[in-house]
Amino acid sequence: MPLRLVLIEDHQALREGLELLLDREGLEVVGAAGTAERGRALVEALDPDVALVDIRLGDECGITLTRRLVEADAERRVVLYTGSDDVSLLFDGLDSGARGYALKEGAPAELTGALRTVAEGGTYVDPRLRPALLSRRATQREPRLSRREREVMDLLAQGLTGEQVAERLVLSSETVKTHVRNAMAKLEAHTRVHAIAIALRDGELG
């Protein structure tokens, strides 16, 4: 079965171009919208595997839309899509509950890879954002994460699912979940992908 996707992008030409591109890559765009209200209705009605949401939807905000979608269903999988590499915007986006963050300058294969990774339960942060995150790391800071927590979070940052991390590290899925919960608590993160971004920023990973 092809991955089912809802696309929310306010620029009609870009939206239609993305539909063609994603279809060519083997993804099924089951719905597309140009406004946050219409997009929310489509996601709730169609229950896609993943939603691709532009951060700026005219006068509306894709981050706010994402927060509402995730509040309604914590399992909702959203990839935010933006032309901005602003790190503060990145953290706002990840704090909203999005599981992926992709830049528009990326190649089509990167975008489809991000969508597939998130749809399968993984997380994705565009690799071009790593230098910006790392440039803001605190200096002379004691690591907050244990060695095992860093190992788990680093593998999640590479796009592995929790089950794949458990297999790689020869741990139970519950143990991996415990490490993730502990890391989120130490980093004061609201979501797993938010914790990954904070750990990158603080120099805990990479």
Foldseek 3Di string as FASTA:
>chain_A
DAFEEEEEAQPVVVQVVVCVLVVVVRHHDPYYYLDLVVSLVCCVVVVGLEYEHEQDRDPDGSLVSLLVSCVVPVLHEYEYEYQDLDVVVVLSNVLSNHQHYYYPVDDSVVVVVQRVLRSVAAGEYYPVNLVVLQVQADPPDDDQADPVLQQLLQVSHVSDHLVVSCVVVVHDSVVSVVSQVVLCVSQVGDDSNSSSSSCSNNVVYD
